[in-house]
Amino acid sequence: MPEEPNEQAQKWAQRELAALYLLTEDETPPVWKVADIGRHLDYFDPESIVQPLIAAGLMHRIAKKFVVATPAAHKWVALVGEVV
């Protein structure tokens, strides 16, 4: 039987989901500055949120300080929908 994720892992997952949903909303600009993601999510280290999503292929860094959601991220959000 798989273990339940601990509280810290759940918080990280929620931050990553929030960042992913932020970048895939229709009303938002397609390119985001990493610092702006941190301000929007009220988190002091946005790089720690963005980096795992880049590694997973859901975000792409287009410059040192800018990221964009990949087509895979848009497809995933379309399939799953936003968690409320």
N, C-alpha and C. Protein backbone atom coordinates (compact mmCIF):
# COMPACT_ATOMS: atom_id res chain seq x y z
N MET A 1 0.84 -1.17 0.00
CA MET A 1 0.00 0.00 0.00
C MET A 1 0.89 1.24 0.00
N PRO A 2 0.68 2.17 -0.94
CA PRO A 2 1.53 3.36 -0.99
C PRO A 2 1.28 4.26 0.21
N GLU A 3 2.35 4.92 0.63
CA GLU A 3 2.24 5.84 1.75
C GLU A 3 1.57 7.13 1.30
N GLU A 4 0.87 7.74 2.24
CA GLU A 4 0.29 9.06 1.98
C GLU A 4 1.43 10.08 1.93
N PRO A 5 1.36 11.05 1.00
CA PRO A 5 2.40 12.07 0.97
C PRO A 5 2.38 12.88 2.27
N ASN A 6 3.55 13.25 2.74
CA ASN A 6 3.60 14.04 3.96
C ASN A 6 3.13 15.46 3.68
N GLU A 7 2.95 16.22 4.74
CA GLU A 7 2.39 17.56 4.62
C GLU A 7 3.27 18.47 3.77
N GLN A 8 4.58 18.37 3.93
CA GLN A 8 5.49 19.20 3.15
C GLN A 8 5.41 18.87 1.66
N ALA A 9 5.33 17.59 1.32
CA ALA A 9 5.20 17.18 -0.08
C ALA A 9 3.90 17.69 -0.67
N GLN A 10 2.84 17.68 0.11
CA GLN A 10 1.55 18.18 -0.38
C GLN A 10 1.62 19.69 -0.64
N LYS A 11 2.32 20.43 0.24
CA LYS A 11 2.46 21.88 0.04
C LYS A 11 3.23 22.16 -1.25
N TRP A 12 4.31 21.40 -1.50
CA TRP A 12 5.08 21.59 -2.73
C TRP A 12 4.24 21.29 -3.95
N ALA A 13 3.47 20.22 -3.90
CA ALA A 13 2.62 19.86 -5.02
C ALA A 13 1.59 20.95 -5.29
N GLN A 14 1.04 21.53 -4.25
CA GLN A 14 0.06 22.61 -4.41
C GLN A 14 0.71 23.84 -5.04
N ARG A 15 1.94 24.16 -4.62
CA ARG A 15 2.65 25.31 -5.21
C ARG A 15 2.94 25.06 -6.69
N GLU A 16 3.38 23.86 -7.01
CA GLU A 16 3.68 23.54 -8.40
C GLU A 16 2.41 23.59 -9.26
N LEU A 17 1.32 23.05 -8.74
CA LEU A 17 0.05 23.11 -9.48
C LEU A 17 -0.40 24.55 -9.68
N ALA A 18 -0.28 25.36 -8.64
CA ALA A 18 -0.70 26.76 -8.75
C ALA A 18 0.13 27.48 -9.83
N ALA A 19 1.42 27.22 -9.87
CA ALA A 19 2.27 27.84 -10.89
C ALA A 19 1.89 27.36 -12.28
N LEU A 20 1.63 26.07 -12.40
CA LEU A 20 1.25 25.51 -13.69
C LEU A 20 -0.08 26.08 -14.18
N TYR A 21 -1.06 26.14 -13.29
CA TYR A 21 -2.36 26.71 -13.67
C TYR A 21 -2.22 28.19 -14.02
N LEU A 22 -1.35 28.90 -13.31
CA LEU A 22 -1.12 30.31 -13.59
C LEU A 22 -0.62 30.51 -15.01
N LEU A 23 0.31 29.68 -15.43
CA LEU A 23 0.89 29.83 -16.76
C LEU A 23 0.00 29.32 -17.88
N THR A 24 -1.01 28.54 -17.56
CA THR A 24 -1.88 27.99 -18.60
C THR A 24 -3.25 28.64 -18.66
N GLU A 25 -3.50 29.65 -17.83
CA GLU A 25 -4.78 30.36 -17.90
C GLU A 25 -4.86 31.13 -19.21
N ASP A 26 -6.04 31.18 -19.77
CA ASP A 26 -6.23 31.87 -21.05
C ASP A 26 -6.04 33.38 -20.93
N GLU A 27 -6.37 33.93 -19.77
CA GLU A 27 -6.32 35.38 -19.60
C GLU A 27 -4.93 35.90 -19.28
N THR A 28 -3.97 35.03 -19.04
CA THR A 28 -2.65 35.48 -18.63
C THR A 28 -1.71 35.54 -19.82
N PRO A 29 -0.65 36.35 -19.70
CA PRO A 29 0.34 36.38 -20.79
C PRO A 29 1.05 35.03 -20.89
N PRO A 30 1.47 34.65 -22.08
CA PRO A 30 2.10 33.34 -22.24
C PRO A 30 3.50 33.24 -21.63
N VAL A 31 4.19 34.37 -21.51
CA VAL A 31 5.54 34.38 -20.96
C VAL A 31 5.51 35.04 -19.59
N TRP A 32 6.11 34.37 -18.63
CA TRP A 32 6.12 34.88 -17.26
C TRP A 32 7.55 35.06 -16.77
N LYS A 33 7.79 36.13 -16.07
CA LYS A 33 9.04 36.32 -15.36
C LYS A 33 8.97 35.47 -14.10
N VAL A 34 10.03 34.73 -13.79
CA VAL A 34 10.04 33.83 -12.64
C VAL A 34 9.73 34.60 -11.36
N ALA A 35 10.28 35.80 -11.21
CA ALA A 35 10.02 36.61 -10.01
C ALA A 35 8.54 36.97 -9.89
N ASP A 36 7.88 37.22 -11.03
CA ASP A 36 6.45 37.54 -10.99
C ASP A 36 5.61 36.34 -10.54
N ILE A 37 6.04 35.15 -10.89
CA ILE A 37 5.35 33.95 -10.41
C ILE A 37 5.44 33.89 -8.90
N GLY A 38 6.62 34.18 -8.36
CA GLY A 38 6.79 34.20 -6.91
C GLY A 38 5.91 35.24 -6.24
N ARG A 39 5.82 36.43 -6.83
CA ARG A 39 4.96 37.47 -6.26
C ARG A 39 3.49 37.07 -6.33
N HIS A 40 3.09 36.51 -7.46
CA HIS A 40 1.69 36.11 -7.62
C HIS A 40 1.30 35.00 -6.64
N LEU A 41 2.22 34.06 -6.39
CA LEU A 41 1.95 32.95 -5.48
C LEU A 41 2.34 33.27 -4.04
N ASP A 42 2.88 34.47 -3.84
CA ASP A 42 3.31 34.91 -2.50
C ASP A 42 4.31 33.92 -1.91
N TYR A 43 5.35 33.62 -2.70
CA TYR A 43 6.39 32.68 -2.25
C TYR A 43 7.75 33.29 -2.53
N PHE A 44 8.64 33.19 -1.57
CA PHE A 44 9.93 33.88 -1.61
C PHE A 44 10.94 33.27 -2.59
N ASP A 45 10.78 32.01 -2.97
CA ASP A 45 11.76 31.34 -3.84
C ASP A 45 11.07 30.68 -5.04
N PRO A 46 10.64 31.48 -6.00
CA PRO A 46 9.91 30.90 -7.13
C PRO A 46 10.74 29.95 -7.97
N GLU A 47 12.04 30.10 -7.96
CA GLU A 47 12.90 29.19 -8.73
C GLU A 47 12.74 27.76 -8.26
N SER A 48 12.52 27.58 -6.96
CA SER A 48 12.35 26.22 -6.43
C SER A 48 11.02 25.60 -6.86
N ILE A 49 10.08 26.43 -7.26
CA ILE A 49 8.81 25.92 -7.78
C ILE A 49 8.93 25.64 -9.27
N VAL A 50 9.58 26.53 -9.98
CA VAL A 50 9.68 26.44 -11.44
C VAL A 50 10.60 25.31 -11.89
N GLN A 51 11.72 25.12 -11.20
CA GLN A 51 12.72 24.16 -11.66
C GLN A 51 12.19 22.73 -11.80
N PRO A 52 11.43 22.19 -10.84
CA PRO A 52 10.90 20.82 -11.04
C PRO A 52 9.93 20.72 -12.22
N LEU A 53 9.20 21.79 -12.50
CA LEU A 53 8.27 21.78 -13.63
C LEU A 53 9.03 21.83 -14.96
N ILE A 54 10.16 22.53 -14.97
CA ILE A 54 11.02 22.53 -16.16
C ILE A 54 11.59 21.13 -16.37
N ALA A 55 12.06 20.53 -15.29
CA ALA A 55 12.63 19.18 -15.38
C ALA A 55 11.60 18.16 -15.84
N ALA A 56 10.34 18.38 -15.49
CA ALA A 56 9.26 17.46 -15.89
C ALA A 56 8.75 17.73 -17.30
N GLY A 57 9.24 18.79 -17.93
CA GLY A 57 8.81 19.10 -19.29
C GLY A 57 7.50 19.88 -19.36
N LEU A 58 7.08 20.47 -18.24
CA LEU A 58 5.83 21.22 -18.23
C LEU A 58 6.03 22.72 -18.37
N MET A 59 7.26 23.17 -18.16
CA MET A 59 7.63 24.57 -18.40
C MET A 59 8.93 24.57 -19.18
N HIS A 60 9.13 25.64 -19.91
CA HIS A 60 10.36 25.80 -20.67
C HIS A 60 10.93 27.18 -20.34
N ARG A 61 12.22 27.20 -20.04
CA ARG A 61 12.89 28.48 -19.76
C ARG A 61 13.28 29.08 -21.11
N ILE A 62 12.80 30.29 -21.38
CA ILE A 62 13.12 30.91 -22.66
C ILE A 62 14.22 31.96 -22.54
N ALA A 63 14.53 32.34 -21.33
CA ALA A 63 15.64 33.23 -21.02
C ALA A 63 15.97 32.97 -19.56
N LYS A 64 17.01 33.59 -19.07
CA LYS A 64 17.43 33.31 -17.70
C LYS A 64 16.31 33.55 -16.69
N LYS A 65 15.51 34.57 -16.91
CA LYS A 65 14.48 34.94 -15.93
C LYS A 65 13.05 34.70 -16.39
N PHE A 66 12.84 34.08 -17.55
CA PHE A 66 11.50 33.92 -18.10
C PHE A 66 11.17 32.46 -18.39
N VAL A 67 9.90 32.11 -18.19
CA VAL A 67 9.43 30.75 -18.47
C VAL A 67 8.10 30.82 -19.21
N VAL A 68 7.78 29.71 -19.87
CA VAL A 68 6.52 29.56 -20.58
C VAL A 68 6.04 28.13 -20.38
N ALA A 69 4.75 27.93 -20.34
CA ALA A 69 4.20 26.58 -20.24
C ALA A 69 4.39 25.87 -21.58
N THR A 70 4.72 24.59 -21.53
CA THR A 70 4.91 23.81 -22.75
C THR A 70 3.56 23.33 -23.28
N PRO A 71 3.52 22.88 -24.52
CA PRO A 71 2.28 22.29 -25.03
C PRO A 71 1.80 21.12 -24.18
N ALA A 72 2.73 20.36 -23.62
CA ALA A 72 2.34 19.24 -22.74
C ALA A 72 1.60 19.75 -21.51
N ALA A 73 2.02 20.87 -20.96
CA ALA A 73 1.34 21.45 -19.79
C ALA A 73 -0.07 21.88 -20.15
N HIS A 74 -0.22 22.53 -21.31
CA HIS A 74 -1.56 22.96 -21.73
C HIS A 74 -2.48 21.76 -21.95
N LYS A 75 -1.95 20.71 -22.55
CA LYS A 75 -2.74 19.50 -22.78
C LYS A 75 -3.13 18.85 -21.46
N TRP A 76 -2.18 18.77 -20.53
CA TRP A 76 -2.46 18.16 -19.22
C TRP A 76 -3.56 18.92 -18.48
N VAL A 77 -3.46 20.25 -18.48
CA VAL A 77 -4.49 21.05 -17.80
C VAL A 77 -5.84 20.89 -18.50
N ALA A 78 -5.84 20.80 -19.81
CA ALA A 78 -7.10 20.60 -20.53
C ALA A 78 -7.73 19.25 -20.18
N LEU A 79 -6.90 18.24 -19.99
CA LEU A 79 -7.41 16.91 -19.65
C LEU A 79 -7.89 16.82 -18.20
N VAL A 80 -7.11 17.40 -17.31
CA VAL A 80 -7.37 17.26 -15.88
C VAL A 80 -8.29 18.36 -15.36
N GLY A 81 -8.13 19.56 -15.86
CA GLY A 81 -8.89 20.69 -15.36
C GLY A 81 -8.23 21.23 -14.11
N GLU A 82 -8.66 22.40 -13.69
CA GLU A 82 -8.07 23.03 -12.51
C GLU A 82 -8.71 22.48 -11.25
N VAL A 83 -7.87 22.17 -10.29
CA VAL A 83 -8.33 21.69 -9.00
C VAL A 83 -8.72 22.88 -8.16
N VAL A 84 -9.90 22.86 -7.60
CA VAL A 84 -10.37 23.98 -6.79
C VAL A 84 -10.06 23.73 -5.33
